[in-house]
Amino acid sequence: MSPEQLEELLALFQAGEARLVGPHGEEHLVPAALYGLMRALLDNLKRGEAVTVVPHDALLTTQQAAQILNISRPYLYRLLDQNAVPVVMVGSHRRLRIQDVLQLREQRQQHRRSALDELSQLGQDMQVEAV
């Protein structure tokens, strides 16, 4: 579906409620929160950005998880061996819950931010001492 078609499906707020209008005129009431989400998705599509919608309890392959974390699959395997993320076995394959992967990604980002803050503070301290 093109962004233009998606935009046509989104109706503007009418009397405090949003309506989704299909290509044949069928209408569906849409909660305001969902309307906001749909508008955000549409804006991303208009900018040419990729959008993925997955259920909250989705299971990811190790390749998908590594891509989300922006790490190699072998490095992800090391993290899994260290129990950094819970694993669900599906037959002989390891799967990861998306919420666990996103939580690990946030932890890694916070760790990087704090390390950068610490380096910045050390740099400032060194400049003060040099003066």
C-alpha atoms as a PDB file:
ATOM      1  CA  MET A   1       0.000   0.000   0.000  1.00  0.00           C
ATOM      2  CA  SER A   2       1.434   3.360  -0.988  1.00  0.00           C
ATOM      3  CA  PRO A   3       1.623   6.282   1.439  1.00  0.00           C
ATOM      4  CA  GLU A   4      -0.980   8.082  -0.682  1.00  0.00           C
ATOM      5  CA  GLN A   5      -3.400   5.172  -0.374  1.00  0.00           C
ATOM      6  CA  LEU A   6      -2.781   4.962   3.359  1.00  0.00           C
ATOM      7  CA  GLU A   7      -3.417   8.671   3.705  1.00  0.00           C
ATOM      8  CA  GLU A   8      -6.710   8.304   1.872  1.00  0.00           C
ATOM      9  CA  LEU A   9      -7.716   5.667   4.401  1.00  0.00           C
ATOM     10  CA  LEU A  10      -7.136   8.006   7.327  1.00  0.00           C
ATOM     11  CA  ALA A  11     -10.036  10.387   7.933  1.00  0.00           C
ATOM     12  CA  LEU A  12      -9.615  13.606   9.874  1.00  0.00           C
ATOM     13  CA  PHE A  13     -11.090  13.939  13.355  1.00  0.00           C
ATOM     14  CA  GLN A  14     -14.824  14.462  13.177  1.00  0.00           C
ATOM     15  CA  ALA A  15     -16.705  15.433  16.330  1.00  0.00           C
ATOM     16  CA  GLY A  16     -13.863  14.240  18.552  1.00  0.00           C
ATOM     17  CA  GLU A  17     -13.533  10.813  16.990  1.00  0.00           C
ATOM     18  CA  ALA A  18     -11.506   9.475  14.114  1.00  0.00           C
ATOM     19  CA  ARG A  19     -12.816   7.305  11.343  1.00  0.00           C
ATOM     20  CA  LEU A  20     -10.934   4.998   9.049  1.00  0.00           C
ATOM     21  CA  VAL A  21     -12.472   5.137   5.598  1.00  0.00           C
ATOM     22  CA  GLY A  22     -11.803   2.237   3.270  1.00  0.00           C
ATOM     23  CA  PRO A  23     -11.413   2.380  -0.511  1.00  0.00           C
ATOM     24  CA  HIS A  24     -15.104   1.508  -0.976  1.00  0.00           C
ATOM     25  CA  GLY A  25     -16.387   4.039   1.564  1.00  0.00           C
ATOM     26  CA  GLU A  26     -16.733   1.667   4.516  1.00  0.00           C
ATOM     27  CA  GLU A  27     -16.070   3.442   7.814  1.00  0.00           C
ATOM     28  CA  HIS A  28     -14.613   2.198  11.097  1.00  0.00           C
ATOM     29  CA  LEU A  29     -14.324   4.179  14.306  1.00  0.00           C
ATOM     30  CA  VAL A  30     -10.705   4.528  15.429  1.00  0.00           C
ATOM     31  CA  PRO A  31      -9.691   5.438  18.995  1.00  0.00           C
ATOM     32  CA  ALA A  32      -7.781   8.726  19.161  1.00  0.00           C
ATOM     33  CA  ALA A  33      -4.611   7.003  20.405  1.00  0.00           C
ATOM     34  CA  LEU A  34      -4.657   4.613  17.449  1.00  0.00           C
ATOM     35  CA  TYR A  35      -5.294   7.501  15.079  1.00  0.00           C
ATOM     36  CA  GLY A  36      -2.163   9.218  16.413  1.00  0.00           C
ATOM     37  CA  LEU A  37      -0.163   6.058  15.859  1.00  0.00           C
ATOM     38  CA  MET A  38      -1.506   5.690  12.329  1.00  0.00           C
ATOM     39  CA  ARG A  39      -0.602   9.320  11.555  1.00  0.00           C
ATOM     40  CA  ALA A  40       2.928   8.727  12.877  1.00  0.00           C
ATOM     41  CA  LEU A  41       3.237   5.616  10.708  1.00  0.00           C
ATOM     42  CA  LEU A  42       2.015   7.562   7.703  1.00  0.00           C
ATOM     43  CA  ASP A  43       4.541  10.340   8.355  1.00  0.00           C
ATOM     44  CA  ASN A  44       7.359   7.778   8.492  1.00  0.00           C
ATOM     45  CA  LEU A  45       6.203   6.188   5.237  1.00  0.00           C
ATOM     46  CA  LYS A  46       6.044   9.592   3.541  1.00  0.00           C
ATOM     47  CA  ARG A  47       9.677  10.196   4.531  1.00  0.00           C
ATOM     48  CA  GLY A  48      10.586   6.850   2.956  1.00  0.00           C
ATOM     49  CA  GLU A  49      11.427   5.234   6.278  1.00  0.00           C
ATOM     50  CA  ALA A  50      10.811   1.551   6.865  1.00  0.00           C
ATOM     51  CA  VAL A  51       8.079   0.705   9.353  1.00  0.00           C
ATOM     52  CA  THR A  52       7.614  -2.641  11.038  1.00  0.00           C
ATOM     53  CA  VAL A  53       4.633  -3.508  13.182  1.00  0.00           C
ATOM     54  CA  VAL A  54       5.006  -6.614  15.312  1.00  0.00           C
ATOM     55  CA  PRO A  55       2.956  -8.039  18.149  1.00  0.00           C
ATOM     56  CA  HIS A  56       4.269  -7.322  21.637  1.00  0.00           C
ATOM     57  CA  ASP A  57       4.902 -11.033  22.247  1.00  0.00           C
ATOM     58  CA  ALA A  58       6.605 -11.707  18.899  1.00  0.00           C
ATOM     59  CA  LEU A  59       9.528 -14.114  18.825  1.00  0.00           C
ATOM     60  CA  LEU A  60      12.576 -13.102  16.808  1.00  0.00           C
ATOM     61  CA  THR A  61      15.253 -15.197  15.207  1.00  0.00           C
ATOM     62  CA  THR A  62      18.799 -14.588  16.371  1.00  0.00           C
ATOM     63  CA  GLN A  63      19.495 -12.819  13.058  1.00  0.00           C
ATOM     64  CA  GLN A  64      16.565 -10.441  13.540  1.00  0.00           C
ATOM     65  CA  ALA A  65      17.587  -9.747  17.140  1.00  0.00           C
ATOM     66  CA  ALA A  66      21.200  -9.090  16.115  1.00  0.00           C
ATOM     67  CA  GLN A  67      20.001  -6.617  13.482  1.00  0.00           C
ATOM     68  CA  ILE A  68      17.848  -4.745  16.004  1.00  0.00           C
ATOM     69  CA  LEU A  69      20.768  -4.623  18.436  1.00  0.00           C
ATOM     70  CA  ASN A  70      23.171  -3.685  15.631  1.00  0.00           C
ATOM     71  CA  ILE A  71      25.586  -6.434  16.616  1.00  0.00           C
ATOM     72  CA  SER A  72      26.879  -9.562  14.917  1.00  0.00           C
ATOM     73  CA  ARG A  73      25.117 -12.856  15.417  1.00  0.00           C
ATOM     74  CA  PRO A  74      28.227 -14.473  16.944  1.00  0.00           C
ATOM     75  CA  TYR A  75      28.392 -11.644  19.497  1.00  0.00           C
ATOM     76  CA  LEU A  76      24.687 -12.140  20.237  1.00  0.00           C
ATOM     77  CA  TYR A  77      25.403 -15.836  20.848  1.00  0.00           C
ATOM     78  CA  ARG A  78      28.026 -14.835  23.428  1.00  0.00           C
ATOM     79  CA  LEU A  79      25.462 -12.592  25.134  1.00  0.00           C
ATOM     80  CA  LEU A  80      22.948 -15.431  25.127  1.00  0.00           C
ATOM     81  CA  ASP A  81      25.547 -17.763  26.672  1.00  0.00           C
ATOM     82  CA  GLN A  82      25.992 -15.131  29.422  1.00  0.00           C
ATOM     83  CA  ASN A  83      22.189 -15.090  29.945  1.00  0.00           C
ATOM     84  CA  ALA A  84      21.982 -11.404  28.974  1.00  0.00           C
ATOM     85  CA  VAL A  85      18.637 -12.125  27.302  1.00  0.00           C
ATOM     86  CA  PRO A  86      16.129 -14.889  28.015  1.00  0.00           C
ATOM     87  CA  VAL A  87      15.830 -17.418  25.199  1.00  0.00           C
ATOM     88  CA  VAL A  88      12.827 -19.433  24.088  1.00  0.00           C
ATOM     89  CA  MET A  89      13.675 -22.735  22.421  1.00  0.00           C
ATOM     90  CA  VAL A  90      11.525 -23.587  19.396  1.00  0.00           C
ATOM     91  CA  GLY A  91      12.650 -27.087  18.553  1.00  0.00           C
ATOM     92  CA  SER A  92      16.413 -26.750  18.369  1.00  0.00           C
ATOM     93  CA  HIS A  93      16.285 -23.052  17.444  1.00  0.00           C
ATOM     94  CA  ARG A  94      16.759 -20.131  19.828  1.00  0.00           C
ATOM     95  CA  ARG A  95      14.155 -17.375  19.689  1.00  0.00           C
ATOM     96  CA  LEU A  96      14.062 -14.105  21.594  1.00  0.00           C
ATOM     97  CA  ARG A  97      11.030 -12.107  22.702  1.00  0.00           C
ATOM     98  CA  ILE A  98      10.975  -8.699  21.083  1.00  0.00           C
ATOM     99  CA  GLN A  99      10.390  -6.933  24.409  1.00  0.00           C
ATOM    100  CA  ASP A 100      13.531  -8.589  25.828  1.00  0.00           C
ATOM    101  CA  VAL A 101      15.574  -7.518  22.795  1.00  0.00           C
ATOM    102  CA  LEU A 102      14.269  -3.948  23.009  1.00  0.00           C
ATOM    103  CA  GLN A 103      15.025  -3.871  26.730  1.00  0.00           C
ATOM    104  CA  LEU A 104      18.597  -5.035  26.089  1.00  0.00           C
ATOM    105  CA  ARG A 105      18.961  -2.408  23.362  1.00  0.00           C
ATOM    106  CA  GLU A 106      17.849   0.298  25.804  1.00  0.00           C
ATOM    107  CA  GLN A 107      20.262  -0.980  28.480  1.00  0.00           C
ATOM    108  CA  ARG A 108      23.123  -0.920  25.982  1.00  0.00           C
ATOM    109  CA  GLN A 109      22.213   2.626  24.902  1.00  0.00           C
ATOM    110  CA  GLN A 110      22.094   3.806  28.528  1.00  0.00           C
ATOM    111  CA  HIS A 111      25.453   2.170  29.206  1.00  0.00           C
ATOM    112  CA  ARG A 112      26.971   3.916  26.171  1.00  0.00           C
ATOM    113  CA  ARG A 113      25.488   7.259  27.243  1.00  0.00           C
ATOM    114  CA  SER A 114      26.879   6.953  30.753  1.00  0.00           C
ATOM    115  CA  ALA A 115      30.307   5.952  29.414  1.00  0.00           C
ATOM    116  CA  LEU A 116      30.309   8.973  27.098  1.00  0.00           C
ATOM    117  CA  ASP A 117      29.259  11.237  29.983  1.00  0.00           C
ATOM    118  CA  GLU A 118      32.097   9.836  32.071  1.00  0.00           C
ATOM    119  CA  LEU A 119      34.621  10.392  29.263  1.00  0.00           C
ATOM    120  CA  SER A 120      33.334  13.920  28.761  1.00  0.00           C
ATOM    121  CA  GLN A 121      33.692  14.644  32.465  1.00  0.00           C
ATOM    122  CA  LEU A 122      37.239  13.237  32.468  1.00  0.00           C
ATOM    123  CA  GLY A 123      38.109  15.465  29.512  1.00  0.00           C
ATOM    124  CA  GLN A 124      36.748  18.517  31.284  1.00  0.00           C
ATOM    125  CA  ASP A 125      38.634  17.617  34.470  1.00  0.00           C
ATOM    126  CA  MET A 126      41.870  17.227  32.497  1.00  0.00           C
ATOM    127  CA  GLN A 127      41.405  20.651  30.884  1.00  0.00           C
ATOM    128  CA  VAL A 128      40.850  22.258  34.298  1.00  0.00           C
ATOM    129  CA  GLU A 129      43.988  20.640  35.691  1.00  0.00           C
ATOM    130  CA  ALA A 130      46.043  21.726  32.663  1.00  0.00           C
ATOM    131  CA  VAL A 131      45.118  25.375  33.161  1.00  0.00           C
END
